Amino acid sequence: MSELERAALLIVDLQNDFCPGGALAVADADRIIPVVNGLVKFFGSRDLPILLSRDWHPQKHCSFRGQGGSWPPHCIRGSMGAKFPEELELPEKYEIISKAVEQEKDAYSAFQDTGLKDLLIEKDVQTLYVCGLATDVCVKDTVLDALREGFSVYVITDAVKGVNLSPNDSRTALEAMSSAGAELIDSLEILSL
């Protein structure tokens, strides 16, 4: 894994509203936080870029049920639900990528209308290590877009959790990411480098 020198950690949508007690909670989402904290320390100690994507919705976003969308209101910009959990140990240096910021445009991928690709190119990143929420929605779309944009991608399987509207959604999503060219990896494989 010599690619680590041009690597970055991308934490997808690890926000209060997707954690237990939130408006759109993913079961056991909080269990990945200690793993993510270990990854943040690892990447931070090597001065590698750390990026966090977040839903940053306007009050009446098109994805909300009241506007004909699929989801309850969540991650409304500036709200407690849109914040990162207090337990998440953020480093001194990190970048925030805000997505789905326009009322009439939804975005599941952190690459969609965010400038993330250009930011990664500017930072000379070739390889992304991806973790966060939710495996079968925003993580999957972000990973598939990253691969389409030509990045190498590792999905950290013990640092993602899925919504699982159907019981196998997360497994199916991991298989789709793997088939598209992503490597599935355990955090311990990274931390032992």
Protein backbone atom coordinates (compact mmCIF):
# COMPACT_ATOMS: atom_id res chain seq x y z
CA MET A 1 0.00 0.00 0.00
CA SER A 2 2.65 2.51 -1.08
CA GLU A 3 -0.26 4.61 -2.37
CA LEU A 4 -0.71 5.93 1.18
CA GLU A 5 1.55 8.91 0.41
CA ARG A 6 -1.03 10.28 -2.07
CA ALA A 7 -4.04 9.18 -0.06
CA ALA A 8 -6.83 10.96 1.80
CA LEU A 9 -9.47 9.92 4.32
CA LEU A 10 -13.03 10.78 3.33
CA ILE A 11 -15.64 10.56 6.09
CA VAL A 12 -19.09 10.55 4.50
CA ASP A 13 -22.04 12.22 6.27
CA LEU A 14 -21.20 11.22 9.84
CA GLN A 15 -23.78 13.68 11.24
CA ASN A 16 -26.06 13.71 14.28
CA ASP A 17 -29.25 13.19 12.26
CA PHE A 18 -27.89 9.88 10.93
CA CYS A 19 -26.84 8.68 14.39
CA PRO A 20 -29.13 7.13 17.05
CA GLY A 21 -31.68 9.72 18.18
CA GLY A 22 -31.40 11.65 14.92
CA ALA A 23 -34.14 12.39 12.39
CA LEU A 24 -32.92 9.70 9.98
CA ALA A 25 -30.94 7.42 12.28
CA VAL A 26 -28.89 4.52 10.93
CA ALA A 27 -28.96 1.61 13.41
CA ASP A 28 -25.71 1.39 15.43
CA ALA A 29 -24.17 4.30 13.47
CA ASP A 30 -22.47 5.52 16.65
CA ARG A 31 -20.50 2.26 16.84
CA ILE A 32 -18.28 3.32 13.95
CA ILE A 33 -17.19 6.55 15.67
CA PRO A 34 -14.31 4.98 17.70
CA VAL A 35 -13.05 3.28 14.51
CA VAL A 36 -13.28 6.57 12.58
CA ASN A 37 -11.44 8.35 15.42
CA GLY A 38 -8.59 5.84 15.09
CA LEU A 39 -8.45 6.47 11.33
CA VAL A 40 -8.46 10.25 11.87
CA LYS A 41 -5.47 9.92 14.24
CA PHE A 42 -3.67 7.65 11.75
CA PHE A 43 -4.16 9.95 8.74
CA GLY A 44 -3.59 13.10 10.80
CA SER A 45 -0.29 11.84 12.23
CA ARG A 46 0.94 11.32 8.65
CA ASP A 47 -0.27 14.77 7.58
CA LEU A 48 -2.59 13.22 4.99
CA PRO A 49 -5.75 15.12 3.97
CA ILE A 50 -8.92 14.44 5.96
CA LEU A 51 -12.23 15.42 4.39
CA LEU A 52 -15.75 15.28 5.79
CA SER A 53 -18.80 15.42 3.58
CA ARG A 54 -22.11 16.53 5.02
CA ASP A 55 -25.70 17.00 3.98
CA TRP A 56 -26.33 20.74 4.35
CA HIS A 57 -29.95 21.10 3.37
CA PRO A 58 -32.10 24.22 3.15
CA GLN A 59 -35.29 24.22 5.25
CA LYS A 60 -37.58 22.93 2.46
CA HIS A 61 -35.23 20.62 0.58
CA CYS A 62 -36.69 18.58 -2.28
CA SER A 63 -35.68 15.28 -0.61
CA PHE A 64 -38.01 15.95 2.35
CA ARG A 65 -41.44 14.28 2.44
CA GLY A 66 -43.21 17.64 2.78
CA GLN A 67 -41.76 18.57 -0.62
CA GLY A 68 -42.60 15.20 -2.20
CA GLY A 69 -39.26 13.55 -1.38
CA SER A 70 -38.48 10.22 0.32
CA TRP A 71 -37.05 11.32 3.66
CA PRO A 72 -38.09 13.14 6.83
CA PRO A 73 -36.45 16.57 7.24
CA HIS A 74 -32.80 16.04 8.22
CA CYS A 75 -29.41 17.78 8.30
CA ILE A 76 -30.92 21.25 7.92
CA ARG A 77 -28.01 23.66 7.70
CA GLY A 78 -27.02 25.14 11.04
CA SER A 79 -29.16 22.68 13.04
CA MET A 80 -27.93 20.31 15.75
CA GLY A 81 -28.82 17.39 13.47
CA ALA A 82 -26.49 18.66 10.74
CA LYS A 83 -23.50 18.87 13.11
CA PHE A 84 -20.86 16.20 13.49
CA PRO A 85 -21.22 14.12 16.68
CA GLU A 86 -19.34 15.43 19.71
CA GLU A 87 -17.66 12.02 20.06
CA LEU A 88 -16.01 12.47 16.67
CA GLU A 89 -12.45 13.61 17.38
CA LEU A 90 -11.71 16.02 14.57
CA PRO A 91 -8.10 16.96 13.82
CA GLU A 92 -6.77 20.51 13.61
CA LYS A 93 -6.77 20.40 9.81
CA TYR A 94 -9.69 19.09 7.79
CA GLU A 95 -11.94 20.11 4.91
CA ILE A 96 -15.74 20.10 4.90
CA ILE A 97 -17.60 19.25 1.70
CA SER A 98 -21.24 20.42 1.83
CA LYS A 99 -23.69 18.70 -0.51
CA ALA A 100 -27.35 18.98 -1.45
CA VAL A 101 -27.23 22.67 -0.60
CA GLU A 102 -29.78 23.79 -3.21
CA GLN A 103 -33.48 23.46 -2.46
CA GLU A 104 -34.39 21.80 -5.79
CA LYS A 105 -31.33 19.54 -6.18
CA ASP A 106 -30.63 16.38 -4.23
CA ALA A 107 -27.18 14.78 -4.00
CA TYR A 108 -26.14 11.47 -2.49
CA SER A 109 -22.55 11.60 -3.74
CA ALA A 110 -19.96 13.89 -2.15
CA PHE A 111 -18.77 14.58 -5.71
CA GLN A 112 -22.09 16.00 -6.92
CA ASP A 113 -21.84 19.79 -7.40
CA THR A 114 -19.32 20.17 -4.55
CA GLY A 115 -15.93 20.76 -6.20
CA LEU A 116 -14.53 17.70 -4.39
CA LYS A 117 -12.77 16.35 -7.50
CA ASP A 118 -10.88 19.62 -8.03
CA LEU A 119 -9.98 19.80 -4.34
CA LEU A 120 -8.50 16.28 -4.43
CA ILE A 121 -6.53 17.07 -7.58
CA GLU A 122 -5.24 20.26 -5.94
CA LYS A 123 -4.09 18.20 -2.95
CA ASP A 124 -2.46 15.64 -5.27
CA VAL A 125 -4.68 12.84 -3.93
CA GLN A 126 -4.95 9.65 -6.00
CA THR A 127 -6.36 7.24 -3.44
CA LEU A 128 -9.39 7.67 -1.19
CA TYR A 129 -10.07 5.72 1.98
CA VAL A 130 -13.80 6.03 2.56
CA CYS A 131 -15.86 5.52 5.72
CA GLY A 132 -19.11 6.90 7.17
CA LEU A 133 -22.85 6.77 6.50
CA ALA A 134 -24.75 5.21 4.96
CA THR A 135 -23.17 2.23 3.20
CA ASP A 136 -26.12 1.70 0.87
CA VAL A 137 -26.83 5.36 0.04
CA CYS A 138 -24.26 8.17 0.22
CA VAL A 139 -21.17 5.99 0.76
CA LYS A 140 -22.06 3.88 -2.27
CA ASP A 141 -22.80 6.85 -4.55
CA THR A 142 -19.64 8.66 -3.42
CA VAL A 143 -17.45 5.60 -4.00
CA LEU A 144 -18.92 4.89 -7.44
CA ASP A 145 -18.38 8.53 -8.45
CA ALA A 146 -14.80 8.49 -7.10
CA LEU A 147 -14.06 5.43 -9.23
CA ARG A 148 -15.64 7.07 -12.28
CA GLU A 149 -13.43 10.11 -11.70
CA GLY A 150 -10.34 7.88 -11.78
CA PHE A 151 -9.44 7.65 -8.09
CA SER A 152 -8.37 4.42 -6.40
CA VAL A 153 -10.82 3.70 -3.58
CA TYR A 154 -10.68 1.64 -0.40
CA VAL A 155 -13.94 1.18 1.52
CA ILE A 156 -13.28 0.64 5.23
CA THR A 157 -15.88 -2.02 6.00
CA ASP A 158 -15.84 -1.73 9.82
CA ALA A 159 -16.23 2.06 9.59
CA VAL A 160 -19.45 2.15 7.54
CA LYS A 161 -23.08 1.40 8.46
CA GLY A 162 -26.10 1.08 6.23
CA VAL A 163 -29.78 2.03 6.34
CA ASN A 164 -30.85 -1.42 5.13
CA LEU A 165 -34.42 -0.68 4.10
CA SER A 166 -34.13 -4.26 2.83
CA PRO A 167 -31.98 -6.54 5.03
CA ASN A 168 -29.23 -7.12 2.43
CA ASP A 169 -28.88 -3.53 1.15
CA SER A 170 -25.47 -2.93 2.75
CA ARG A 171 -24.06 -6.22 1.50
CA THR A 172 -25.41 -5.53 -2.00
CA ALA A 173 -23.90 -2.02 -1.89
CA LEU A 174 -20.48 -3.36 -0.84
CA GLU A 175 -20.64 -5.92 -3.65
CA ALA A 176 -21.53 -3.16 -6.15
CA MET A 177 -18.60 -1.01 -4.99
CA SER A 178 -16.24 -3.98 -5.15
CA SER A 179 -17.46 -4.96 -8.63
CA ALA A 180 -16.87 -1.37 -9.79
CA GLY A 181 -13.24 -1.57 -8.63
CA ALA A 182 -13.17 -0.50 -4.97
CA GLU A 183 -11.08 -2.51 -2.52
CA LEU A 184 -12.87 -3.59 0.66
CA ILE A 185 -10.56 -3.28 3.64
CA ASP A 186 -10.72 -3.53 7.44
CA SER A 187 -9.44 -0.58 9.51
CA LEU A 188 -6.87 -2.83 11.22
CA GLU A 189 -5.25 -3.46 7.82
CA ILE A 190 -4.69 0.30 7.54
CA LEU A 191 -3.64 0.93 11.13
CA SER A 192 -1.00 -1.83 10.89
CA LEU A 193 0.80 -0.09 7.98
